[in-house]
Amino acid sequence: MEHMPKEKKRAKNRRACPLPGDESQLPVHYSAGEPRLEIIGDRVLVDGLRRVLSYTSERLVLQVGKRRVTLVGADLCMLDYSPLGVQVIGTLLAVEFGDL
């Protein structure tokens, strides 16, 4: 086994980051049918909402595209509900993803 300095090992193991505007490297969440969530402070914006599966102030279960998205927290409240998406406010503790 050859000896390689730590700096070279680290550089060898790093993957190149895509440049801004490189559309071939878009994250999977931009794929059709996949959930897209944006968390800003105490707000969560959810795009691609199909329907609300269950709703309490501590747990919100949504069908988003082909997936189930569960928001867990305190004082959760849905705002701006529409077929395109929903805005949720409250204290977010966890986000769970699953298949339907």
PDB file of N, CA and C in Angstrom:
ATOM      1  N   MET A   1       0.844  -1.181   0.000  1.00  0.00           N
ATOM      2  CA  MET A   1       0.000   0.000   0.000  1.00  0.00           C
ATOM      3  C   MET A   1       0.882   1.234   0.000  1.00  0.00           C
ATOM      4  N   GLU A   2       0.647   2.095  -0.964  1.00  0.00           N
ATOM      5  CA  GLU A   2       1.496   3.279  -1.079  1.00  0.00           C
ATOM      6  C   GLU A   2       1.046   4.363  -0.114  1.00  0.00           C
ATOM      7  N   HIS A   3       1.991   5.183   0.283  1.00  0.00           N
ATOM      8  CA  HIS A   3       1.704   6.273   1.209  1.00  0.00           C
ATOM      9  C   HIS A   3       1.346   7.513   0.402  1.00  0.00           C
ATOM     10  N   MET A   4       0.191   8.105   0.719  1.00  0.00           N
ATOM     11  CA  MET A   4      -0.255   9.305   0.022  1.00  0.00           C
ATOM     12  C   MET A   4      -0.582  10.360   1.080  1.00  0.00           C
ATOM     13  N   PRO A   5      -0.086  11.590   0.904  1.00  0.00           N
ATOM     14  CA  PRO A   5      -0.398  12.646   1.876  1.00  0.00           C
ATOM     15  C   PRO A   5      -1.911  12.838   2.009  1.00  0.00           C
ATOM     16  N   LYS A   6      -2.363  13.270   3.213  1.00  0.00           N
ATOM     17  CA  LYS A   6      -3.790  13.445   3.487  1.00  0.00           C
ATOM     18  C   LYS A   6      -4.450  14.411   2.508  1.00  0.00           C
ATOM     19  N   GLU A   7      -3.754  15.488   2.147  1.00  0.00           N
ATOM     20  CA  GLU A   7      -4.339  16.477   1.245  1.00  0.00           C
ATOM     21  C   GLU A   7      -4.689  15.856  -0.103  1.00  0.00           C
ATOM     22  N   LYS A   8      -3.813  15.007  -0.619  1.00  0.00           N
ATOM     23  CA  LYS A   8      -4.067  14.375  -1.911  1.00  0.00           C
ATOM     24  C   LYS A   8      -5.204  13.367  -1.801  1.00  0.00           C
ATOM     25  N   LYS A   9      -5.277  12.650  -0.667  1.00  0.00           N
ATOM     26  CA  LYS A   9      -6.371  11.696  -0.471  1.00  0.00           C
ATOM     27  C   LYS A   9      -7.710  12.421  -0.464  1.00  0.00           C
ATOM     28  N   ARG A  10      -7.773  13.539   0.253  1.00  0.00           N
ATOM     29  CA  ARG A  10      -9.020  14.299   0.322  1.00  0.00           C
ATOM     30  C   ARG A  10      -9.408  14.825  -1.052  1.00  0.00           C
ATOM     31  N   ALA A  11      -8.453  15.371  -1.770  1.00  0.00           N
ATOM     32  CA  ALA A  11      -8.737  15.915  -3.097  1.00  0.00           C
ATOM     33  C   ALA A  11      -9.202  14.815  -4.042  1.00  0.00           C
ATOM     34  N   LYS A  12      -8.633  13.633  -3.913  1.00  0.00           N
ATOM     35  CA  LYS A  12      -8.993  12.520  -4.780  1.00  0.00           C
ATOM     36  C   LYS A  12     -10.423  12.051  -4.516  1.00  0.00           C
ATOM     37  N   ASN A  13     -10.873  12.114  -3.244  1.00  0.00           N
ATOM     38  CA  ASN A  13     -12.200  11.642  -2.871  1.00  0.00           C
ATOM     39  C   ASN A  13     -13.311  12.663  -3.108  1.00  0.00           C
ATOM     40  N   ARG A  14     -12.988  13.919  -3.348  1.00  0.00           N
ATOM     41  CA  ARG A  14     -13.999  14.948  -3.565  1.00  0.00           C
ATOM     42  C   ARG A  14     -14.593  14.844  -4.956  1.00  0.00           C
ATOM     43  N   ARG A  15     -15.905  15.088  -5.023  1.00  0.00           N
ATOM     44  CA  ARG A  15     -16.563  15.173  -6.324  1.00  0.00           C
ATOM     45  C   ARG A  15     -16.663  16.640  -6.703  1.00  0.00           C
ATOM     46  N   ALA A  16     -16.600  16.901  -7.976  1.00  0.00           N
ATOM     47  CA  ALA A  16     -16.716  18.275  -8.438  1.00  0.00           C
ATOM     48  C   ALA A  16     -18.149  18.757  -8.253  1.00  0.00           C
ATOM     49  N   CYS A  17     -18.311  19.966  -7.715  1.00  0.00           N
ATOM     50  CA  CYS A  17     -19.639  20.551  -7.562  1.00  0.00           C
ATOM     51  C   CYS A  17     -20.088  21.115  -8.900  1.00  0.00           C
ATOM     52  N   PRO A  18     -21.383  20.958  -9.233  1.00  0.00           N
ATOM     53  CA  PRO A  18     -21.861  21.528 -10.483  1.00  0.00           C
ATOM     54  C   PRO A  18     -21.832  23.049 -10.418  1.00  0.00           C
ATOM     55  N   LEU A  19     -21.605  23.673 -11.543  1.00  0.00           N
ATOM     56  CA  LEU A  19     -21.606  25.123 -11.625  1.00  0.00           C
ATOM     57  C   LEU A  19     -23.039  25.628 -11.640  1.00  0.00           C
ATOM     58  N   PRO A  20     -23.294  26.829 -11.098  1.00  0.00           N
ATOM     59  CA  PRO A  20     -24.642  27.385 -11.166  1.00  0.00           C
ATOM     60  C   PRO A  20     -25.103  27.464 -12.617  1.00  0.00           C
ATOM     61  N   GLY A  21     -26.346  27.089 -12.854  1.00  0.00           N
ATOM     62  CA  GLY A  21     -26.883  27.122 -14.212  1.00  0.00           C
ATOM     63  C   GLY A  21     -26.640  25.848 -14.994  1.00  0.00           C
ATOM     64  N   ASP A  22     -25.943  24.876 -14.412  1.00  0.00           N
ATOM     65  CA  ASP A  22     -25.691  23.606 -15.090  1.00  0.00           C
ATOM     66  C   ASP A  22     -26.912  22.716 -14.903  1.00  0.00           C
ATOM     67  N   GLU A  23     -27.860  22.773 -15.845  1.00  0.00           N
ATOM     68  CA  GLU A  23     -29.140  22.084 -15.709  1.00  0.00           C
ATOM     69  C   GLU A  23     -29.008  20.571 -15.750  1.00  0.00           C
ATOM     70  N   SER A  24     -27.909  20.051 -16.255  1.00  0.00           N
ATOM     71  CA  SER A  24     -27.740  18.600 -16.281  1.00  0.00           C
ATOM     72  C   SER A  24     -27.526  18.037 -14.879  1.00  0.00           C
ATOM     73  N   GLN A  25     -27.238  18.888 -13.920  1.00  0.00           N
ATOM     74  CA  GLN A  25     -26.977  18.455 -12.548  1.00  0.00           C
ATOM     75  C   GLN A  25     -28.089  18.865 -11.586  1.00  0.00           C
ATOM     76  N   LEU A  26     -29.323  19.089 -12.098  1.00  0.00           N
ATOM     77  CA  LEU A  26     -30.415  19.487 -11.222  1.00  0.00           C
ATOM     78  C   LEU A  26     -30.701  18.395 -10.200  1.00  0.00           C
ATOM     79  N   PRO A  27     -30.981  18.781  -8.963  1.00  0.00           N
ATOM     80  CA  PRO A  27     -31.310  17.782  -7.942  1.00  0.00           C
ATOM     81  C   PRO A  27     -32.569  17.011  -8.307  1.00  0.00           C
ATOM     82  N   VAL A  28     -32.721  15.844  -7.719  1.00  0.00           N
ATOM     83  CA  VAL A  28     -33.848  14.966  -8.029  1.00  0.00           C
ATOM     84  C   VAL A  28     -35.187  15.604  -7.666  1.00  0.00           C
ATOM     85  N   HIS A  29     -35.225  16.533  -6.700  1.00  0.00           N
ATOM     86  CA  HIS A  29     -36.504  17.108  -6.289  1.00  0.00           C
ATOM     87  C   HIS A  29     -37.148  17.954  -7.379  1.00  0.00           C
ATOM     88  N   TYR A  30     -36.439  18.238  -8.472  1.00  0.00           N
ATOM     89  CA  TYR A  30     -37.035  18.951  -9.593  1.00  0.00           C
ATOM     90  C   TYR A  30     -37.687  17.995 -10.578  1.00  0.00           C
ATOM     91  N   SER A  31     -37.637  16.700 -10.309  1.00  0.00           N
ATOM     92  CA  SER A  31     -38.246  15.711 -11.184  1.00  0.00           C
ATOM     93  C   SER A  31     -39.755  15.725 -11.004  1.00  0.00           C
ATOM     94  N   ALA A  32     -40.476  15.461 -12.084  1.00  0.00           N
ATOM     95  CA  ALA A  32     -41.936  15.424 -12.028  1.00  0.00           C
ATOM     96  C   ALA A  32     -42.400  14.339 -11.069  1.00  0.00           C
ATOM     97  N   GLY A  33     -43.403  14.658 -10.275  1.00  0.00           N
ATOM     98  CA  GLY A  33     -43.967  13.686  -9.347  1.00  0.00           C
ATOM     99  C   GLY A  33     -43.242  13.567  -8.028  1.00  0.00           C
ATOM    100  N   GLU A  34     -42.128  14.260  -7.854  1.00  0.00           N
ATOM    101  CA  GLU A  34     -41.376  14.206  -6.604  1.00  0.00           C
ATOM    102  C   GLU A  34     -41.714  15.431  -5.755  1.00  0.00           C
ATOM    103  N   PRO A  35     -41.739  15.282  -4.424  1.00  0.00           N
ATOM    104  CA  PRO A  35     -42.050  16.412  -3.553  1.00  0.00           C
ATOM    105  C   PRO A  35     -41.005  17.517  -3.661  1.00  0.00           C
ATOM    106  N   ARG A  36     -41.470  18.755  -3.548  1.00  0.00           N
ATOM    107  CA  ARG A  36     -40.559  19.895  -3.494  1.00  0.00           C
ATOM    108  C   ARG A  36     -40.983  20.744  -2.313  1.00  0.00           C
ATOM    109  N   LEU A  37     -40.113  20.843  -1.315  1.00  0.00           N
ATOM    110  CA  LEU A  37     -40.389  21.613  -0.110  1.00  0.00           C
ATOM    111  C   LEU A  37     -39.345  22.701   0.033  1.00  0.00           C
ATOM    112  N   GLU A  38     -39.788  23.853   0.496  1.00  0.00           N
ATOM    113  CA  GLU A  38     -38.883  24.957   0.772  1.00  0.00           C
ATOM    114  C   GLU A  38     -39.163  25.405   2.198  1.00  0.00           C
ATOM    115  N   ILE A  39     -38.150  25.361   3.050  1.00  0.00           N
ATOM    116  CA  ILE A  39     -38.312  25.724   4.455  1.00  0.00           C
ATOM    117  C   ILE A  39     -37.633  27.064   4.683  1.00  0.00           C
ATOM    118  N   ILE A  40     -38.431  28.035   5.148  1.00  0.00           N
ATOM    119  CA  ILE A  40     -37.923  29.376   5.408  1.00  0.00           C
ATOM    120  C   ILE A  40     -38.405  29.783   6.797  1.00  0.00           C
ATOM    121  N   GLY A  41     -37.509  29.766   7.765  1.00  0.00           N
ATOM    122  CA  GLY A  41     -37.890  30.118   9.133  1.00  0.00           C
ATOM    123  C   GLY A  41     -38.951  29.175   9.663  1.00  0.00           C
ATOM    124  N   ASP A  42     -40.109  29.737  10.047  1.00  0.00           N
ATOM    125  CA  ASP A  42     -41.195  28.909  10.583  1.00  0.00           C
ATOM    126  C   ASP A  42     -42.235  28.563   9.518  1.00  0.00           C
ATOM    127  N   ARG A  43     -41.868  28.673   8.230  1.00  0.00           N
ATOM    128  CA  ARG A  43     -42.787  28.384   7.130  1.00  0.00           C
ATOM    129  C   ARG A  43     -42.239  27.259   6.257  1.00  0.00           C
ATOM    130  N   VAL A  44     -43.150  26.425   5.771  1.00  0.00           N
ATOM    131  CA  VAL A  44     -42.796  25.376   4.818  1.00  0.00           C
ATOM    132  C   VAL A  44     -43.694  25.553   3.609  1.00  0.00           C
ATOM    133  N   LEU A  45     -43.088  25.703   2.434  1.00  0.00           N
ATOM    134  CA  LEU A  45     -43.835  25.783   1.188  1.00  0.00           C
ATOM    135  C   LEU A  45     -43.759  24.422   0.521  1.00  0.00           C
ATOM    136  N   VAL A  46     -44.905  23.852   0.200  1.00  0.00           N
ATOM    137  CA  VAL A  46     -44.974  22.516  -0.388  1.00  0.00           C
ATOM    138  C   VAL A  46     -45.605  22.640  -1.767  1.00  0.00           C
ATOM    139  N   ASP A  47     -44.862  22.280  -2.811  1.00  0.00           N
ATOM    140  CA  ASP A  47     -45.366  22.309  -4.187  1.00  0.00           C
ATOM    141  C   ASP A  47     -45.827  20.922  -4.598  1.00  0.00           C
ATOM    142  N   GLY A  48     -46.797  20.872  -5.506  1.00  0.00           N
ATOM    143  CA  GLY A  48     -47.244  19.602  -6.059  1.00  0.00           C
ATOM    144  C   GLY A  48     -48.228  18.859  -5.183  1.00  0.00           C
ATOM    145  N   LEU A  49     -48.962  19.584  -4.346  1.00  0.00           N
ATOM    146  CA  LEU A  49     -49.899  18.959  -3.416  1.00  0.00           C
ATOM    147  C   LEU A  49     -51.031  18.269  -4.167  1.00  0.00           C
ATOM    148  N   ARG A  50     -51.262  17.013  -3.845  1.00  0.00           N
ATOM    149  CA  ARG A  50     -52.401  16.273  -4.405  1.00  0.00           C
ATOM    150  C   ARG A  50     -53.587  16.343  -3.456  1.00  0.00           C
ATOM    151  N   ARG A  51     -53.323  15.995  -2.163  1.00  0.00           N
ATOM    152  CA  ARG A  51     -54.394  16.073  -1.170  1.00  0.00           C
ATOM    153  C   ARG A  51     -53.823  16.000   0.236  1.00  0.00           C
ATOM    154  N   VAL A  52     -54.651  16.400   1.194  1.00  0.00           N
ATOM    155  CA  VAL A  52     -54.302  16.314   2.609  1.00  0.00           C
ATOM    156  C   VAL A  52     -54.832  14.982   3.124  1.00  0.00           C
ATOM    157  N   LEU A  53     -53.945  14.128   3.636  1.00  0.00           N
ATOM    158  CA  LEU A  53     -54.337  12.813   4.140  1.00  0.00           C
ATOM    159  C   LEU A  53     -54.806  12.876   5.589  1.00  0.00           C
ATOM    160  N   SER A  54     -54.147  13.681   6.418  1.00  0.00           N
ATOM    161  CA  SER A  54     -54.600  13.923   7.792  1.00  0.00           C
ATOM    162  C   SER A  54     -53.976  15.219   8.285  1.00  0.00           C
ATOM    163  N   TYR A  55     -54.641  15.836   9.282  1.00  0.00           N
ATOM    164  CA  TYR A  55     -54.210  17.160   9.709  1.00  0.00           C
ATOM    165  C   TYR A  55     -54.555  17.389  11.170  1.00  0.00           C
ATOM    166  N   THR A  56     -53.530  17.608  11.990  1.00  0.00           N
ATOM    167  CA  THR A  56     -53.698  18.094  13.357  1.00  0.00           C
ATOM    168  C   THR A  56     -52.671  19.203  13.548  1.00  0.00           C
ATOM    169  N   SER A  57     -52.709  19.862  14.680  1.00  0.00           N
ATOM    170  CA  SER A  57     -51.738  20.937  14.918  1.00  0.00           C
ATOM    171  C   SER A  57     -50.334  20.398  15.198  1.00  0.00           C
ATOM    172  N   GLU A  58     -50.203  19.070  15.405  1.00  0.00           N
ATOM    173  CA  GLU A  58     -48.889  18.458  15.648  1.00  0.00           C
ATOM    174  C   GLU A  58     -48.392  17.608  14.489  1.00  0.00           C
ATOM    175  N   ARG A  59     -49.282  17.224  13.580  1.00  0.00           N
ATOM    176  CA  ARG A  59     -48.883  16.303  12.501  1.00  0.00           C
ATOM    177  C   ARG A  59     -49.736  16.571  11.265  1.00  0.00           C
ATOM    178  N   LEU A  60     -49.071  16.777  10.138  1.00  0.00           N
ATOM    179  CA  LEU A  60     -49.744  17.046   8.873  1.00  0.00           C
ATOM    180  C   LEU A  60     -49.227  16.046   7.846  1.00  0.00           C
ATOM    181  N   VAL A  61     -50.110  15.231   7.297  1.00  0.00           N
ATOM    182  CA  VAL A  61     -49.719  14.212   6.324  1.00  0.00           C
ATOM    183  C   VAL A  61     -50.305  14.601   4.974  1.00  0.00           C
ATOM    184  N   LEU A  62     -49.429  14.746   3.977  1.00  0.00           N
ATOM    185  CA  LEU A  62     -49.821  15.211   2.650  1.00  0.00           C
ATOM    186  C   LEU A  62     -49.461  14.187   1.589  1.00  0.00           C
ATOM    187  N   GLN A  63     -50.272  14.122   0.551  1.00  0.00           N
ATOM    188  CA  GLN A  63     -49.876  13.389  -0.653  1.00  0.00           C
ATOM    189  C   GLN A  63     -49.312  14.433  -1.597  1.00  0.00           C
ATOM    190  N   VAL A  64     -48.031  14.296  -1.889  1.00  0.00           N
ATOM    191  CA  VAL A  64     -47.333  15.236  -2.760  1.00  0.00           C
ATOM    192  C   VAL A  64     -46.752  14.433  -3.908  1.00  0.00           C
ATOM    193  N   GLY A  65     -47.312  14.621  -5.094  1.00  0.00           N
ATOM    194  CA  GLY A  65     -46.880  13.817  -6.227  1.00  0.00           C
ATOM    195  C   GLY A  65     -47.129  12.352  -5.942  1.00  0.00           C
ATOM    196  N   LYS A  66     -46.088  11.552  -6.076  1.00  0.00           N
ATOM    197  CA  LYS A  66     -46.179  10.106  -5.859  1.00  0.00           C
ATOM    198  C   LYS A  66     -45.809   9.699  -4.430  1.00  0.00           C
ATOM    199  N   ARG A  67     -45.623  10.660  -3.549  1.00  0.00           N
ATOM    200  CA  ARG A  67     -45.092  10.380  -2.211  1.00  0.00           C
ATOM    201  C   ARG A  67     -46.021  10.870  -1.105  1.00  0.00           C
ATOM    202  N   ARG A  68     -45.733  10.379   0.101  1.00  0.00           N
ATOM    203  CA  ARG A  68     -46.380  10.865   1.313  1.00  0.00           C
ATOM    204  C   ARG A  68     -45.344  11.705   2.051  1.00  0.00           C
ATOM    205  N   VAL A  69     -45.716  12.914   2.430  1.00  0.00           N
ATOM    206  CA  VAL A  69     -44.844  13.806   3.187  1.00  0.00           C
ATOM    207  C   VAL A  69     -45.543  14.109   4.507  1.00  0.00           C
ATOM    208  N   THR A  70     -44.841  13.872   5.618  1.00  0.00           N
ATOM    209  CA  THR A  70     -45.395  14.130   6.944  1.00  0.00           C
ATOM    210  C   THR A  70     -44.577  15.229   7.609  1.00  0.00           C
ATOM    211  N   LEU A  71     -45.255  16.283   8.030  1.00  0.00           N
ATOM    212  CA  LEU A  71     -44.631  17.362   8.784  1.00  0.00           C
ATOM    213  C   LEU A  71     -45.018  17.169  10.242  1.00  0.00           C
ATOM    214  N   VAL A  72     -44.024  17.137  11.115  1.00  0.00           N
ATOM    215  CA  VAL A  72     -44.247  16.939  12.541  1.00  0.00           C
ATOM    216  C   VAL A  72     -43.763  18.188  13.260  1.00  0.00           C
ATOM    217  N   GLY A  73     -44.577  18.705  14.182  1.00  0.00           N
ATOM    218  CA  GLY A  73     -44.178  19.905  14.891  1.00  0.00           C
ATOM    219  C   GLY A  73     -45.198  20.328  15.920  1.00  0.00           C
ATOM    220  N   ALA A  74     -45.253  21.627  16.161  1.00  0.00           N
ATOM    221  CA  ALA A  74     -46.192  22.202  17.119  1.00  0.00           C
ATOM    222  C   ALA A  74     -46.862  23.409  16.482  1.00  0.00           C
ATOM    223  N   ASP A  75     -48.130  23.591  16.768  1.00  0.00           N
ATOM    224  CA  ASP A  75     -48.903  24.727  16.256  1.00  0.00           C
ATOM    225  C   ASP A  75     -48.863  24.816  14.732  1.00  0.00           C
ATOM    226  N   LEU A  76     -48.900  23.671  14.039  1.00  0.00           N
ATOM    227  CA  LEU A  76     -48.886  23.671  12.577  1.00  0.00           C
ATOM    228  C   LEU A  76     -50.227  24.170  12.054  1.00  0.00           C
ATOM    229  N   CYS A  77     -50.168  25.048  11.071  1.00  0.00           N
ATOM    230  CA  CYS A  77     -51.373  25.643  10.502  1.00  0.00           C
ATOM    231  C   CYS A  77     -51.180  25.794   8.998  1.00  0.00           C
ATOM    232  N   MET A  78     -52.174  25.353   8.218  1.00  0.00           N
ATOM    233  CA  MET A  78     -52.096  25.472   6.758  1.00  0.00           C
ATOM    234  C   MET A  78     -52.627  26.836   6.317  1.00  0.00           C
ATOM    235  N   LEU A  79     -51.868  27.485   5.443  1.00  0.00           N
ATOM    236  CA  LEU A  79     -52.272  28.746   4.826  1.00  0.00           C
ATOM    237  C   LEU A  79     -52.195  28.582   3.317  1.00  0.00           C
ATOM    238  N   ASP A  80     -52.914  29.405   2.599  1.00  0.00           N
ATOM    239  CA  ASP A  80     -52.810  29.445   1.130  1.00  0.00           C
ATOM    240  C   ASP A  80     -52.928  28.062   0.501  1.00  0.00           C
ATOM    241  N   TYR A  81     -53.896  27.288   0.925  1.00  0.00           N
ATOM    242  CA  TYR A  81     -54.119  25.941   0.397  1.00  0.00           C
ATOM    243  C   TYR A  81     -54.716  26.030  -1.003  1.00  0.00           C
ATOM    244  N   SER A  82     -54.114  25.321  -1.969  1.00  0.00           N
ATOM    245  CA  SER A  82     -54.639  25.254  -3.334  1.00  0.00           C
ATOM    246  C   SER A  82     -54.178  23.943  -3.958  1.00  0.00           C
ATOM    247  N   PRO A  83     -54.733  23.572  -5.114  1.00  0.00           N
ATOM    248  CA  PRO A  83     -54.279  22.346  -5.784  1.00  0.00           C
ATOM    249  C   PRO A  83     -52.795  22.379  -6.175  1.00  0.00           C
ATOM    250  N   LEU A  84     -52.214  23.569  -6.257  1.00  0.00           N
ATOM    251  CA  LEU A  84     -50.799  23.679  -6.625  1.00  0.00           C
ATOM    252  C   LEU A  84     -49.868  23.459  -5.443  1.00  0.00           C
ATOM    253  N   GLY A  85     -50.333  23.795  -4.247  1.00  0.00           N
ATOM    254  CA  GLY A  85     -49.465  23.655  -3.093  1.00  0.00           C
ATOM    255  C   GLY A  85     -50.097  24.221  -1.844  1.00  0.00           C
ATOM    256  N   VAL A  86     -49.303  24.257  -0.795  1.00  0.00           N
ATOM    257  CA  VAL A  86     -49.777  24.758   0.488  1.00  0.00           C
ATOM    258  C   VAL A  86     -48.604  25.398   1.226  1.00  0.00           C
ATOM    259  N   GLN A  87     -48.932  26.376   2.045  1.00  0.00           N
ATOM    260  CA  GLN A  87     -47.948  26.995   2.925  1.00  0.00           C
ATOM    261  C   GLN A  87     -48.332  26.603   4.350  1.00  0.00           C
ATOM    262  N   VAL A  88     -47.370  26.091   5.094  1.00  0.00           N
ATOM    263  CA  VAL A  88     -47.605  25.653   6.469  1.00  0.00           C
ATOM    264  C   VAL A  88     -46.742  26.509   7.382  1.00  0.00           C
ATOM    265  N   ILE A  89     -47.337  27.008   8.469  1.00  0.00           N
ATOM    266  CA  ILE A  89     -46.557  27.750   9.459  1.00  0.00           C
ATOM    267  C   ILE A  89     -46.623  27.002  10.783  1.00  0.00           C
ATOM    268  N   GLY A  90     -45.635  27.231  11.619  1.00  0.00           N
ATOM    269  CA  GLY A  90     -45.570  26.602  12.933  1.00  0.00           C
ATOM    270  C   GLY A  90     -44.149  26.180  13.247  1.00  0.00           C
ATOM    271  N   THR A  91     -43.982  25.500  14.355  1.00  0.00           N
ATOM    272  CA  THR A  91     -42.669  25.006  14.767  1.00  0.00           C
ATOM    273  C   THR A  91     -42.463  23.624  14.164  1.00  0.00           C
ATOM    274  N   LEU A  92     -41.565  23.531  13.202  1.00  0.00           N
ATOM    275  CA  LEU A  92     -41.296  22.267  12.518  1.00  0.00           C
ATOM    276  C   LEU A  92     -40.216  21.493  13.270  1.00  0.00           C
ATOM    277  N   LEU A  93     -40.519  20.246  13.622  1.00  0.00           N
ATOM    278  CA  LEU A  93     -39.560  19.396  14.326  1.00  0.00           C
ATOM    279  C   LEU A  93     -38.963  18.326  13.427  1.00  0.00           C
ATOM    280  N   ALA A  94     -39.752  17.831  12.448  1.00  0.00           N
ATOM    281  CA  ALA A  94     -39.264  16.764  11.571  1.00  0.00           C
ATOM    282  C   ALA A  94     -40.069  16.738  10.283  1.00  0.00           C
ATOM    283  N   VAL A  95     -39.432  16.221   9.242  1.00  0.00           N
ATOM    284  CA  VAL A  95     -40.090  15.970   7.960  1.00  0.00           C
ATOM    285  C   VAL A  95     -39.829  14.513   7.619  1.00  0.00           C
ATOM    286  N   GLU A  96     -40.898  13.777   7.315  1.00  0.00           N
ATOM    287  CA  GLU A  96     -40.775  12.360   6.968  1.00  0.00           C
ATOM    288  C   GLU A  96     -41.286  12.154   5.551  1.00  0.00           C
ATOM    289  N   PHE A  97     -40.594  11.322   4.787  1.00  0.00           N
ATOM    290  CA  PHE A  97     -40.988  11.002   3.422  1.00  0.00           C
ATOM    291  C   PHE A  97     -41.269   9.511   3.330  1.00  0.00           C
ATOM    292  N   GLY A  98     -42.282   9.149   2.554  1.00  0.00           N
ATOM    293  CA  GLY A  98     -42.592   7.736   2.379  1.00  0.00           C
ATOM    294  C   GLY A  98     -43.378   7.513   1.107  1.00  0.00           C
ATOM    295  N   ASP A  99     -43.504   6.253   0.737  1.00  0.00           N
ATOM    296  CA  ASP A  99     -44.306   5.886  -0.425  1.00  0.00           C
ATOM    297  C   ASP A  99     -45.754   5.758   0.000  1.00  0.00           C
ATOM    298  N   LEU A 100     -46.644   5.957  -0.938  1.00  0.00           N
ATOM    299  CA  LEU A 100     -48.082   5.794  -0.662  1.00  0.00           C
ATOM    300  C   LEU A 100     -48.459   4.341  -0.661  1.00  0.00           C
TER     301      LEU A 100
END
